[in-house]
N, C-alpha and C. Protein backbone atom coordinates (compact mmCIF):
# COMPACT_ATOMS: atom_id res chain seq x y z
N MET A 1 -11.72 -58.36 6.62
CA MET A 1 -12.40 -57.38 6.54
C MET A 1 -11.77 -56.10 6.87
N THR A 2 -11.98 -55.06 5.22
CA THR A 2 -11.51 -53.95 6.04
C THR A 2 -12.63 -52.88 6.55
N SER A 3 -12.40 -52.43 7.45
CA SER A 3 -13.42 -51.16 8.01
C SER A 3 -12.84 -50.21 8.08
N VAL A 4 -13.85 -49.27 8.03
CA VAL A 4 -13.56 -47.61 7.63
C VAL A 4 -14.31 -46.43 9.02
N LEU A 5 -13.09 -45.74 9.33
CA LEU A 5 -13.56 -45.58 10.36
C LEU A 5 -14.49 -43.89 9.88
N LEU A 6 -15.69 -43.33 10.44
CA LEU A 6 -16.20 -42.42 10.07
C LEU A 6 -16.12 -41.25 10.32
N SER A 7 -16.40 -39.96 9.68
CA SER A 7 -15.77 -38.80 10.15
C SER A 7 -16.49 -38.04 9.08
N LEU A 8 -17.03 -36.71 9.63
CA LEU A 8 -18.07 -35.74 8.89
C LEU A 8 -16.91 -35.44 7.74
N SER A 9 -15.96 -35.32 7.74
CA SER A 9 -14.55 -34.61 6.95
C SER A 9 -14.39 -35.48 6.16
N ALA A 10 -14.15 -36.42 6.66
CA ALA A 10 -13.42 -37.59 5.28
C ALA A 10 -13.42 -39.22 5.90
N LEU A 11 -12.86 -40.23 5.30
CA LEU A 11 -12.97 -41.30 5.90
C LEU A 11 -11.44 -42.20 5.36
N VAL A 12 -11.30 -42.46 6.58
CA VAL A 12 -9.53 -42.55 7.40
C VAL A 12 -9.98 -44.37 7.29
N ALA A 13 -9.05 -44.97 6.38
CA ALA A 13 -9.22 -46.44 6.55
C ALA A 13 -8.76 -46.83 7.90
N ALA A 14 -9.01 -48.21 8.20
CA ALA A 14 -8.76 -48.46 9.68
C ALA A 14 -9.09 -50.23 9.35
N SER A 15 -8.74 -50.76 10.20
CA SER A 15 -8.65 -52.18 10.54
C SER A 15 -10.09 -52.71 9.77
N ALA A 16 -35.68 -54.87 7.61
CA ALA A 16 -34.95 -54.43 8.59
C ALA A 16 -35.82 -53.00 9.28
N LEU A 17 -36.39 -52.72 9.11
CA LEU A 17 -36.82 -50.75 8.86
C LEU A 17 -37.75 -51.03 10.41
N ALA A 18 -37.59 -49.84 10.83
CA ALA A 18 -37.68 -49.30 11.89
C ALA A 18 -39.12 -48.98 12.28
N ALA A 19 -39.66 -49.19 12.83
CA ALA A 19 -41.05 -49.12 13.64
C ALA A 19 -41.70 -47.85 13.37
N PRO A 20 -42.49 -47.50 12.69
CA PRO A 20 -43.24 -46.05 12.57
C PRO A 20 -43.65 -45.74 13.44
N THR A 21 -44.05 -46.23 14.85
CA THR A 21 -44.68 -45.23 15.70
C THR A 21 -43.84 -44.68 16.50
N ALA A 22 -42.52 -45.03 16.79
CA ALA A 22 -41.80 -44.30 17.39
C ALA A 22 -41.64 -43.14 17.60
N GLN A 23 -41.77 -42.52 18.98
CA GLN A 23 -41.89 -41.14 19.48
C GLN A 23 -40.62 -40.40 19.11
N ALA A 24 -40.55 -38.73 19.07
CA ALA A 24 -39.70 -38.17 18.76
C ALA A 24 -38.44 -37.85 19.94
N ALA A 25 -37.33 -38.17 19.66
CA ALA A 25 -36.54 -37.72 21.03
C ALA A 25 -36.28 -36.97 21.54
N PRO A 26 -36.32 -36.58 22.97
CA PRO A 26 -36.34 -35.29 23.78
C PRO A 26 -34.85 -35.04 23.48
N ARG A 27 -35.11 -33.26 22.76
CA ARG A 27 -33.45 -32.90 22.06
C ARG A 27 -33.87 -31.40 22.58
N ALA A 28 -34.23 -30.86 23.67
CA ALA A 28 -34.29 -29.70 24.16
C ALA A 28 -32.72 -29.08 24.13
N SER A 29 -32.07 -29.64 24.04
CA SER A 29 -30.59 -28.75 24.03
C SER A 29 -29.59 -29.85 23.56
N ALA A 30 -28.60 -29.09 22.33
CA ALA A 30 -27.52 -30.14 21.82
C ALA A 30 -26.60 -29.91 22.69
N PRO A 31 -25.71 -30.72 22.91
CA PRO A 31 -24.43 -31.34 23.62
C PRO A 31 -23.68 -29.62 22.86
N SER A 32 -22.89 -28.77 23.81
CA SER A 32 -21.95 -28.24 23.20
C SER A 32 -20.82 -28.72 21.98
N GLY A 33 -20.78 -28.15 21.06
CA GLY A 33 -20.14 -29.08 19.82
C GLY A 33 -20.51 -30.31 19.19
N TRP A 34 -21.22 -30.77 19.33
CA TRP A 34 -22.19 -31.80 19.21
C TRP A 34 -23.42 -31.63 17.93
N ASP A 35 -23.32 -32.48 17.03
CA ASP A 35 -24.46 -32.10 16.23
C ASP A 35 -25.25 -33.68 16.09
N ALA A 36 -26.79 -33.76 15.76
CA ALA A 36 -27.87 -34.56 15.48
C ALA A 36 -27.08 -35.22 14.09
N VAL A 37 -26.74 -36.46 13.69
CA VAL A 37 -26.45 -36.68 12.63
C VAL A 37 -27.98 -37.74 11.83
N SER A 38 -28.46 -37.13 10.37
CA SER A 38 -29.65 -38.22 9.96
C SER A 38 -28.95 -38.77 8.99
N ALA A 39 -30.05 -39.78 8.85
CA ALA A 39 -29.69 -40.90 7.50
C ALA A 39 -28.87 -40.49 6.60
N GLY A 40 -29.73 -39.36 6.06
CA GLY A 40 -28.72 -39.14 4.58
C GLY A 40 -27.64 -38.62 4.83
N GLU A 41 -27.06 -38.08 5.89
CA GLU A 41 -25.36 -37.38 6.64
C GLU A 41 -25.06 -38.60 6.41
N LEU A 42 -25.42 -39.61 7.27
CA LEU A 42 -24.68 -40.66 7.67
C LEU A 42 -24.02 -41.33 6.32
N ARG A 43 -25.14 -41.61 5.47
CA ARG A 43 -24.73 -42.01 4.18
C ARG A 43 -23.61 -41.43 3.66
N GLU A 44 -23.68 -39.94 3.66
CA GLU A 44 -22.74 -39.15 2.82
C GLU A 44 -21.48 -39.06 3.06
N ILE A 45 -21.47 -39.29 4.43
CA ILE A 45 -20.14 -39.79 5.30
C ILE A 45 -19.82 -40.94 4.60
N ALA A 46 -20.28 -41.96 4.75
CA ALA A 46 -19.67 -43.57 4.63
C ALA A 46 -19.90 -43.40 2.88
N GLY A 47 -19.87 -42.42 2.26
CA GLY A 47 -19.81 -42.48 0.43
C GLY A 47 -20.83 -43.04 -0.16
N VAL A 48 -21.64 -43.28 0.45
CA VAL A 48 -22.78 -44.30 -0.43
C VAL A 48 -23.80 -43.10 -1.09
N THR A 49 -23.97 -42.04 -0.65
CA THR A 49 -24.46 -40.97 -1.62
C THR A 49 -23.89 -39.51 -1.20
N ASP A 50 -24.28 -38.46 -2.20
CA ASP A 50 -23.32 -37.42 -2.21
C ASP A 50 -24.97 -36.31 -1.86
N ASN A 51 -25.98 -36.89 -1.47
CA ASN A 51 -27.13 -36.05 -1.23
C ASN A 51 -27.65 -36.33 0.02
N PRO A 52 -27.44 -35.16 1.02
CA PRO A 52 -27.83 -36.00 2.74
C PRO A 52 -29.41 -35.82 2.99
N ASP A 53 -30.26 -35.32 1.95
CA ASP A 53 -31.47 -35.18 2.15
C ASP A 53 -32.16 -36.50 1.51
N ASP A 54 -31.23 -37.48 1.18
CA ASP A 54 -31.83 -38.78 0.10
C ASP A 54 -31.91 -39.69 1.56
N VAL A 55 -32.74 -39.69 2.51
CA VAL A 55 -33.37 -40.23 3.41
C VAL A 55 -34.54 -41.63 3.23
N SER A 56 -34.97 -41.41 2.11
CA SER A 56 -35.59 -42.90 1.48
C SER A 56 -34.71 -43.96 1.20
N ALA A 57 -33.75 -43.38 0.40
CA ALA A 57 -32.83 -44.37 0.24
C ALA A 57 -31.84 -45.20 1.63
N ALA A 58 -31.91 -44.28 2.40
CA ALA A 58 -30.91 -44.25 3.39
C ALA A 58 -31.69 -45.47 4.35
N ALA A 59 -33.31 -45.27 4.45
CA ALA A 59 -34.25 -46.04 5.24
C ALA A 59 -34.20 -47.40 4.61
N GLU A 60 -33.77 -47.58 3.23
CA GLU A 60 -34.23 -48.99 3.06
C GLU A 60 -32.78 -49.68 2.78
N GLU A 61 -31.65 -48.81 3.22
CA GLU A 61 -30.66 -49.81 3.10
C GLU A 61 -29.91 -49.17 4.41
N PRO A 62 -29.85 -49.81 5.42
CA PRO A 62 -29.38 -49.59 6.51
C PRO A 62 -27.98 -49.83 6.58
N LEU A 63 -26.78 -48.82 7.50
CA LEU A 63 -25.76 -49.17 7.47
C LEU A 63 -25.07 -50.06 8.66
N THR A 64 -24.20 -50.81 8.08
CA THR A 64 -23.68 -51.66 9.10
C THR A 64 -22.22 -51.63 10.09
N LEU A 65 -22.51 -51.01 11.15
CA LEU A 65 -21.40 -50.57 11.84
C LEU A 65 -21.16 -51.24 13.14
N ALA A 66 -19.78 -51.17 13.66
CA ALA A 66 -19.25 -51.34 14.47
C ALA A 66 -18.83 -49.88 15.85
N LEU A 67 -18.89 -50.09 16.92
CA LEU A 67 -18.59 -49.13 17.78
C LEU A 67 -17.61 -49.62 18.52
N GLU A 68 -16.57 -48.37 18.82
CA GLU A 68 -15.57 -48.69 19.51
C GLU A 68 -15.40 -47.40 20.72
N SER A 69 -15.29 -48.20 21.93
CA SER A 69 -15.13 -47.16 22.98
C SER A 69 -14.03 -46.27 23.04
N VAL A 70 -13.98 -45.09 23.16
CA VAL A 70 -12.78 -44.09 23.15
C VAL A 70 -12.18 -44.44 24.67
N LYS A 71 -12.80 -44.85 25.51
CA LYS A 71 -12.41 -44.96 26.73
C LYS A 71 -11.61 -45.98 27.31
N ASN A 72 -11.45 -47.27 26.48
CA ASN A 72 -11.00 -48.42 26.59
C ASN A 72 -10.33 -49.01 25.24
N ALA A 73 -10.76 -48.10 24.01
CA ALA A 73 -10.48 -48.66 22.89
C ALA A 73 -10.79 -50.17 22.66
N LYS A 74 -11.83 -50.66 22.63
CA LYS A 74 -12.67 -51.96 22.80
C LYS A 74 -13.91 -51.69 21.97
N PHE A 75 -14.08 -52.43 20.97
CA PHE A 75 -15.27 -53.00 20.30
C PHE A 75 -16.81 -53.10 20.90
N VAL A 76 -17.44 -52.87 20.77
CA VAL A 76 -18.81 -53.32 21.45
C VAL A 76 -19.17 -54.64 20.94
N THR A 77 -19.52 -55.11 21.96
CA THR A 77 -19.91 -56.58 20.99
C THR A 77 -21.29 -56.98 21.96
N THR A 78 -22.22 -57.72 21.21
CA THR A 78 -23.64 -58.35 21.89
C THR A 78 -23.05 -59.84 22.87
N GLU A 79 -23.09 -59.34 24.08
CA GLU A 79 -22.78 -60.76 24.74
C GLU A 79 -24.21 -62.12 24.93
N LEU A 80 -23.83 -62.52 23.51
CA LEU A 80 -24.77 -63.69 23.61
C LEU A 80 -24.47 -64.87 24.46
N ASN A 81 -23.63 -65.00 24.98
CA ASN A 81 -23.01 -66.20 26.13
C ASN A 81 -23.53 -65.75 27.56
N HIS A 82 -23.93 -64.51 27.90
CA HIS A 82 -24.01 -63.63 29.10
C HIS A 82 -25.32 -64.22 30.02
N THR A 83 -25.24 -64.69 30.80
CA THR A 83 -26.25 -65.37 31.58
C THR A 83 -27.81 -64.83 31.84
N ALA A 84 -28.87 -65.03 32.08
CA ALA A 84 -29.85 -64.19 32.19
C ALA A 84 -29.73 -63.10 33.80
N PRO A 85 -30.01 -62.22 33.60
CA PRO A 85 -31.40 -61.69 32.73
C PRO A 85 -30.30 -60.79 31.85
N ASN A 86 -29.19 -60.80 31.54
CA ASN A 86 -28.07 -60.07 30.88
C ASN A 86 -27.68 -60.49 29.12
N THR A 87 -28.80 -61.53 29.17
CA THR A 87 -28.32 -62.00 27.88
C THR A 87 -28.31 -61.32 26.58
N GLY A 88 -27.22 -60.70 25.93
CA GLY A 88 -27.52 -59.73 24.84
C GLY A 88 -27.19 -58.63 25.22
N VAL A 89 -26.59 -58.60 26.53
CA VAL A 89 -26.08 -57.30 26.85
C VAL A 89 -25.09 -56.30 25.87
N LEU A 90 -24.80 -55.05 25.73
CA LEU A 90 -23.93 -54.99 24.79
C LEU A 90 -22.57 -54.11 25.83
N ARG A 91 -21.33 -54.65 25.39
CA ARG A 91 -20.26 -54.35 26.40
C ARG A 91 -18.98 -54.14 25.44
N ALA A 92 -18.20 -53.50 25.98
CA ALA A 92 -17.26 -52.97 25.05
C ALA A 92 -16.09 -53.55 25.69
N ARG A 93 -15.57 -55.09 24.91
CA ARG A 93 -15.04 -55.59 25.71
C ARG A 93 -14.05 -56.56 24.31
N SER A 94 -14.28 -56.55 23.24
CA SER A 94 -13.39 -57.04 21.85
C SER A 94 -12.10 -56.44 21.57
N ASP A 95 -11.42 -57.03 21.45
CA ASP A 95 -9.95 -56.79 20.71
C ASP A 95 -10.34 -56.27 19.21
N LYS A 96 -11.32 -56.91 18.42
CA LYS A 96 -11.29 -57.31 17.19
C LYS A 96 -12.55 -57.05 16.56
N ILE A 97 -13.21 -56.46 15.38
CA ILE A 97 -14.37 -56.82 14.65
C ILE A 97 -14.86 -57.97 14.32
N GLY A 98 -16.02 -58.99 14.89
CA GLY A 98 -16.00 -60.08 14.43
C GLY A 98 -17.51 -60.20 14.06
N GLY A 99 -18.17 -61.00 14.59
CA GLY A 99 -19.87 -61.65 13.77
C GLY A 99 -20.41 -60.49 14.87
N TRP A 100 -20.16 -60.92 16.59
CA TRP A 100 -20.93 -60.10 17.50
C TRP A 100 -20.79 -58.74 17.46
N GLU A 101 -19.96 -58.15 16.72
CA GLU A 101 -19.50 -57.09 16.92
C GLU A 101 -20.49 -55.85 15.89
N SER A 102 -21.19 -56.65 15.06
CA SER A 102 -21.93 -55.93 14.32
C SER A 102 -23.16 -55.60 13.99
N LEU A 103 -23.43 -53.93 14.22
CA LEU A 103 -24.99 -53.37 14.43
C LEU A 103 -25.19 -52.75 12.90
N SER A 104 -26.39 -53.03 12.68
CA SER A 104 -27.43 -52.50 11.74
C SER A 104 -28.16 -50.94 12.14
N PHE A 105 -27.45 -50.21 11.87
CA PHE A 105 -28.43 -48.56 11.80
C PHE A 105 -29.43 -48.35 10.85
N GLU A 106 -31.06 -48.29 11.67
CA GLU A 106 -31.78 -48.18 10.69
C GLU A 106 -32.70 -46.77 10.96
N TRP A 107 -32.99 -46.17 10.11
CA TRP A 107 -33.29 -45.15 10.15
C TRP A 107 -34.96 -44.74 10.20
N ASP A 108 -35.55 -43.95 11.07
CA ASP A 108 -37.25 -43.78 10.91
C ASP A 108 -37.14 -42.02 10.86
N GLU A 109 -37.78 -42.08 9.45
CA GLU A 109 -37.84 -40.56 9.34
C GLU A 109 -38.97 -39.64 10.32
N ALA A 110 -39.59 -40.34 10.62
CA ALA A 110 -40.76 -39.81 11.12
C ALA A 110 -40.33 -39.22 12.78
N SER A 111 -39.62 -39.96 13.41
CA SER A 111 -39.10 -40.01 14.73
C SER A 111 -37.74 -39.09 14.81
N GLN A 112 -36.70 -39.37 13.72
CA GLN A 112 -35.52 -38.38 13.29
C GLN A 112 -34.60 -39.32 13.94
N THR A 113 -34.42 -40.83 14.37
CA THR A 113 -34.10 -41.49 14.99
C THR A 113 -34.06 -42.61 14.55
N TYR A 114 -32.78 -43.37 15.20
CA TYR A 114 -32.32 -44.82 14.89
C TYR A 114 -32.72 -45.72 15.73
N ALA A 115 -32.85 -46.95 14.88
CA ALA A 115 -32.87 -48.22 15.51
C ALA A 115 -31.91 -49.06 15.28
N VAL A 116 -31.10 -49.72 16.20
CA VAL A 116 -29.73 -50.65 16.24
C VAL A 116 -30.20 -51.74 16.83
N ARG A 117 -29.77 -52.59 15.18
CA ARG A 117 -30.23 -54.02 14.96
C ARG A 117 -29.12 -54.59 15.59
N SER A 118 -28.64 -55.82 16.47
CA SER A 118 -27.09 -56.61 16.49
C SER A 118 -27.68 -57.89 15.43
N LEU A 119 -26.44 -57.70 14.49
CA LEU A 119 -26.68 -58.63 13.64
C LEU A 119 -25.94 -60.09 13.89
N ALA A 120 -25.65 -60.20 15.85
CA ALA A 120 -25.57 -61.02 16.10
C ALA A 120 -26.43 -62.38 16.71
N ASN A 121 -27.83 -61.54 16.88
CA ASN A 121 -28.84 -62.69 17.07
C ASN A 121 -29.96 -61.61 16.23
N ASN A 122 -29.57 -60.46 15.59
CA ASN A 122 -31.06 -60.15 14.97
C ASN A 122 -32.02 -59.86 16.00
N ARG A 123 -31.67 -58.95 16.63
CA ARG A 123 -32.61 -58.68 17.97
C ARG A 123 -32.28 -56.91 17.91
N TYR A 124 -33.28 -56.15 17.96
CA TYR A 124 -33.12 -54.85 18.23
C TYR A 124 -32.32 -54.38 20.04
N VAL A 125 -31.67 -53.34 20.00
CA VAL A 125 -31.07 -53.04 21.26
C VAL A 125 -31.83 -52.27 21.88
N THR A 126 -31.97 -52.69 23.14
CA THR A 126 -33.40 -51.84 24.04
C THR A 126 -32.45 -51.32 25.27
N VAL A 127 -33.16 -50.09 25.79
CA VAL A 127 -32.80 -49.52 26.80
C VAL A 127 -34.00 -50.00 27.95
N GLU A 128 -33.06 -50.97 28.81
CA GLU A 128 -33.55 -51.48 29.91
C GLU A 128 -33.99 -50.51 31.20
N GLN A 129 -35.17 -50.08 31.05
CA GLN A 129 -35.89 -48.71 31.67
C GLN A 129 -36.53 -49.45 32.72
N ASN A 130 -36.78 -51.00 32.74
CA ASN A 130 -37.38 -51.39 33.83
C ASN A 130 -36.49 -52.19 34.74
N TYR A 131 -35.35 -52.14 34.44
CA TYR A 131 -34.14 -52.71 35.29
C TYR A 131 -34.01 -51.71 36.40
N THR A 132 -33.25 -52.17 37.69
CA THR A 132 -32.97 -51.52 38.84
C THR A 132 -31.39 -51.39 39.00
N GLY A 133 -31.02 -50.83 39.83
CA GLY A 133 -29.61 -50.81 40.45
C GLY A 133 -28.84 -50.64 39.35
N ALA A 134 -27.31 -51.17 39.24
CA ALA A 134 -26.49 -50.97 38.30
C ALA A 134 -26.89 -51.46 36.51
N SER A 135 -28.05 -52.08 36.54
CA SER A 135 -28.48 -52.57 35.44
C SER A 135 -29.60 -51.82 34.64
N GLU A 136 -30.19 -51.07 35.47
CA GLU A 136 -31.05 -49.60 34.89
C GLU A 136 -30.62 -49.00 33.89
N ASN A 137 -31.27 -48.95 32.71
CA ASN A 137 -30.86 -48.25 31.57
C ASN A 137 -29.77 -49.04 30.90
N LEU A 138 -30.08 -50.59 30.74
CA LEU A 138 -28.47 -51.24 30.41
C LEU A 138 -29.00 -51.60 28.81
N LEU A 139 -28.23 -51.28 27.94
CA LEU A 139 -28.53 -51.59 26.61
C LEU A 139 -28.12 -53.19 26.11
N ARG A 140 -29.50 -53.92 25.64
CA ARG A 140 -29.23 -55.33 25.46
C ARG A 140 -29.92 -55.55 23.99
N ALA A 141 -29.50 -56.18 23.33
CA ALA A 141 -30.12 -56.58 21.95
C ALA A 141 -30.91 -57.87 22.16
N ARG A 142 -32.58 -57.67 22.17
CA ARG A 142 -33.21 -58.43 22.50
C ARG A 142 -34.90 -58.38 21.91
N SER A 143 -34.84 -57.26 21.57
CA SER A 143 -36.39 -56.88 21.13
C SER A 143 -36.36 -57.34 19.80
N ALA A 144 -37.78 -57.88 19.60
CA ALA A 144 -37.91 -58.30 17.99
C ALA A 144 -38.40 -57.02 17.14
N SER A 145 -38.59 -56.21 17.51
CA SER A 145 -39.13 -55.12 16.79
C SER A 145 -38.74 -53.82 17.48
N ALA A 146 -38.78 -52.23 16.81
CA ALA A 146 -38.24 -51.32 17.41
C ALA A 146 -39.46 -50.17 17.93
N GLY A 147 -39.27 -50.08 18.83
CA GLY A 147 -40.54 -49.05 19.61
C GLY A 147 -39.52 -48.04 20.32
N GLY A 148 -40.24 -47.53 21.19
CA GLY A 148 -39.78 -46.00 22.21
C GLY A 148 -38.58 -46.76 22.45
N TRP A 149 -38.13 -47.70 23.62
CA TRP A 149 -37.03 -48.31 24.25
C TRP A 149 -36.24 -48.59 23.06
N GLU A 150 -36.17 -48.59 21.80
CA GLU A 150 -35.20 -49.00 20.79
C GLU A 150 -34.70 -47.93 19.92
N ARG A 151 -35.15 -47.11 20.70
CA ARG A 151 -34.62 -45.69 19.34
C ARG A 151 -33.55 -44.37 19.97
N PHE A 152 -32.68 -44.34 19.03
CA PHE A 152 -31.59 -43.45 19.45
C PHE A 152 -31.07 -42.21 18.33
N VAL A 153 -30.71 -41.34 19.22
CA VAL A 153 -30.14 -40.20 18.24
C VAL A 153 -28.85 -40.60 18.20
N LEU A 154 -28.17 -40.08 17.05
CA LEU A 154 -27.11 -40.59 16.80
C LEU A 154 -25.94 -39.26 16.72
N TRP A 155 -25.41 -38.44 17.40
CA TRP A 155 -24.31 -37.64 17.58
C TRP A 155 -22.68 -37.80 17.50
N HIS A 156 -22.30 -36.48 16.61
CA HIS A 156 -21.26 -36.10 16.14
C HIS A 156 -20.14 -35.21 16.52
N ASN A 157 -18.99 -34.95 16.90
CA ASN A 157 -18.28 -33.67 17.24
C ASN A 157 -17.39 -33.76 15.99
N GLU A 158 -17.38 -32.57 15.58
CA GLU A 158 -16.69 -32.61 14.20
C GLU A 158 -14.94 -32.65 14.99
N GLU A 159 -14.86 -31.74 15.47
CA GLU A 159 -13.69 -31.31 16.24
C GLU A 159 -13.00 -32.66 17.01
N LEU A 160 -13.53 -33.13 17.66
CA LEU A 160 -12.55 -34.53 18.24
C LEU A 160 -13.01 -35.86 17.57
N ASP A 161 -13.73 -35.66 16.25
CA ASP A 161 -14.04 -36.92 15.25
C ASP A 161 -14.86 -38.01 16.61
N HIS A 162 -15.51 -37.67 17.19
CA HIS A 162 -16.49 -38.83 17.91
C HIS A 162 -17.69 -38.63 17.82
N TRP A 163 -18.14 -40.22 18.47
CA TRP A 163 -19.38 -40.19 18.20
C TRP A 163 -20.20 -40.79 19.39
N ALA A 164 -21.47 -40.52 19.81
CA ALA A 164 -22.01 -40.52 20.85
C ALA A 164 -23.67 -41.17 20.74
N LEU A 165 -24.33 -41.66 21.28
CA LEU A 165 -25.56 -42.21 21.38
C LEU A 165 -26.36 -41.97 22.60
N GLN A 166 -27.55 -41.15 22.30
CA GLN A 166 -28.68 -40.79 23.15
C GLN A 166 -29.84 -41.45 22.71
N SER A 167 -30.58 -42.35 24.20
CA SER A 167 -31.54 -42.91 24.32
C SER A 167 -32.69 -41.84 23.67
N ALA A 168 -33.92 -42.04 23.21
CA ALA A 168 -34.56 -41.60 22.49
C ALA A 168 -36.03 -41.36 24.14
N SER A 169 -35.82 -42.78 24.43
CA SER A 169 -36.63 -42.69 25.66
C SER A 169 -36.77 -42.18 26.55
N ASN A 170 -35.51 -41.96 27.36
CA ASN A 170 -35.23 -41.41 28.48
C ASN A 170 -34.20 -40.28 28.52
N GLY A 171 -33.97 -39.78 27.05
CA GLY A 171 -33.22 -38.47 26.89
C GLY A 171 -31.83 -38.80 27.65
N LEU A 172 -31.25 -39.70 27.94
CA LEU A 172 -30.11 -39.78 28.30
C LEU A 172 -28.59 -40.48 27.42
N PHE A 173 -27.63 -40.08 27.49
CA PHE A 173 -26.45 -40.27 26.66
C PHE A 173 -25.87 -41.69 27.13
N VAL A 174 -25.57 -42.52 26.30
CA VAL A 174 -25.20 -44.02 26.40
C VAL A 174 -23.83 -44.05 27.04
N ALA A 175 -23.48 -44.37 27.87
CA ALA A 175 -21.63 -44.18 28.74
C ALA A 175 -21.24 -45.78 28.81
N MET A 176 -19.80 -46.03 28.78
CA MET A 176 -19.50 -47.69 28.80
C MET A 176 -18.90 -47.53 29.99
N GLU A 177 -19.53 -48.42 31.12
CA GLU A 177 -19.53 -48.26 32.01
C GLU A 177 -17.97 -48.82 32.54
N ASN A 178 -17.10 -48.34 32.79
CA ASN A 178 -15.43 -48.24 32.87
C ASN A 178 -15.03 -48.66 34.28
N GLY A 179 -15.93 -48.03 35.33
CA GLY A 179 -16.14 -47.84 36.52
C GLY A 179 -16.31 -49.22 37.05
N TYR A 180 -16.98 -50.15 35.92
CA TYR A 180 -17.81 -51.41 37.11
C TYR A 180 -16.71 -52.32 37.11
N THR A 181 -17.07 -53.35 37.92
CA THR A 181 -16.30 -54.66 38.11
C THR A 181 -17.23 -55.67 37.86
N GLY A 182 -16.79 -56.59 37.73
CA GLY A 182 -17.31 -58.37 37.19
C GLY A 182 -18.11 -58.07 35.98
N SER A 183 -19.06 -59.02 36.15
CA SER A 183 -19.79 -59.49 34.66
C SER A 183 -20.49 -58.07 33.74
N LEU A 184 -20.62 -57.20 34.42
CA LEU A 184 -20.87 -55.78 33.71
C LEU A 184 -19.73 -54.87 33.72
N GLN A 185 -18.73 -54.96 33.35
CA GLN A 185 -17.75 -54.13 33.48
C GLN A 185 -17.70 -53.88 31.90
N TYR A 186 -17.59 -52.69 31.65
CA TYR A 186 -17.94 -52.13 30.08
C TYR A 186 -18.74 -52.23 29.75
N ALA A 187 -19.98 -52.49 30.26
CA ALA A 187 -21.21 -52.52 29.68
C ALA A 187 -21.80 -50.99 29.22
N LEU A 188 -22.64 -51.16 28.29
CA LEU A 188 -23.16 -49.60 27.78
C LEU A 188 -24.55 -49.75 28.58
N ARG A 189 -24.42 -48.35 28.84
CA ARG A 189 -25.84 -47.57 29.76
C ARG A 189 -26.25 -46.45 29.56
N ALA A 190 -27.50 -46.06 29.14
CA ALA A 190 -27.90 -45.08 29.42
C ALA A 190 -28.24 -44.23 30.03
N ARG A 191 -27.57 -43.45 30.72
CA ARG A 191 -27.78 -42.83 32.02
C ARG A 191 -26.48 -41.88 32.30
N SER A 192 -26.17 -41.14 31.33
CA SER A 192 -25.22 -39.59 31.18
C SER A 192 -26.43 -38.75 31.25
N ALA A 193 -26.74 -37.34 31.46
CA ALA A 193 -27.49 -36.31 31.26
C ALA A 193 -26.89 -35.35 30.02
N ASP A 194 -25.06 -35.66 29.76
CA ASP A 194 -24.74 -34.91 28.96
C ASP A 194 -23.55 -35.44 29.05
N ILE A 195 -22.94 -35.14 27.32
CA ILE A 195 -21.61 -36.35 27.06
C ILE A 195 -20.20 -35.63 27.87
N THR A 196 -20.19 -36.31 28.62
CA THR A 196 -19.10 -35.37 29.68
C THR A 196 -17.77 -35.91 29.59
N GLY A 197 -17.31 -36.75 28.69
CA GLY A 197 -15.87 -37.20 28.57
C GLY A 197 -15.80 -38.65 27.67
N SER A 198 -14.71 -39.28 27.77
CA SER A 198 -14.52 -40.50 26.73
C SER A 198 -15.28 -41.78 27.11
N TRP A 199 -16.21 -41.86 28.48
CA TRP A 199 -17.25 -42.71 28.64
C TRP A 199 -18.23 -42.87 27.82
N GLU A 200 -18.52 -41.58 27.44
CA GLU A 200 -19.94 -41.15 26.20
C GLU A 200 -19.30 -40.96 24.79
N GLU A 201 -18.06 -41.64 24.59
CA GLU A 201 -17.89 -40.69 23.13
C GLU A 201 -17.18 -42.83 22.53
N PHE A 202 -17.43 -42.26 21.26
CA PHE A 202 -17.25 -43.79 20.68
C PHE A 202 -16.64 -43.39 19.39
N ASN A 203 -15.81 -44.17 18.71
CA ASN A 203 -15.37 -44.58 17.13
C ASN A 203 -16.65 -45.11 16.15
N LEU A 204 -16.82 -45.17 15.24
CA LEU A 204 -17.57 -45.57 14.07
C LEU A 204 -16.48 -45.98 13.02
N TYR A 205 -17.38 -47.45 12.77
CA TYR A 205 -16.73 -48.32 11.66
C TYR A 205 -17.81 -48.67 10.65
N ASP A 206 -17.34 -48.75 9.40
CA ASP A 206 -18.38 -48.87 8.68
C ASP A 206 -17.80 -50.25 7.97
N LEU A 207 -18.51 -51.31 8.28
CA LEU A 207 -18.28 -52.54 8.25
C LEU A 207 -18.48 -53.07 6.41
N GLY A 208 -19.26 -51.83 5.70
CA GLY A 208 -19.13 -52.37 4.42
C GLY A 208 -20.47 -53.61 4.07
N VAL A 209 -21.16 -54.07 4.76
CA VAL A 209 -21.94 -55.06 4.06
C VAL A 209 -23.33 -54.79 4.80
């Protein structure tokens, strides 16, 4: 399958709806150089529509994407074989895009946020705010519905052509834990107050399914 890297300026060739009760994301100030991307804009980028305001169509047809960490150049996968309590953790460790790397981005117009559903297990990605220690705010595909903990803001930096995710529930940006060791190495965790570098930056690929 051919995947396409999403860019605000171009598409470069490369290898279920949200809960309406979600709360608006905390966006007091945008990171310097970064812009929040709506569903209509995302679909325009992917070439699905030429109207960035056409959010009704966007909500009806979520885009299936894959995330690649800028830091380690690995694709984010849903770890279905990970031991409890971290079964379904999102981790940037795959060299190629397969079934476990497919993510559905589903827009909620009321909150202006996305829910991210893993197609590996048909579960929504949750920010585990009740976890402690190294697992606090871990991203894990385990929820049957999309509530506050399952809401994200999608950001794009046109100059870098990189993307970032911000948790709507705690206002923190998702980082790939490159400094971890053991079973949570390269895990995704919503714990950064700003986008400080490649740990919070990702490439997006449109899987066209």
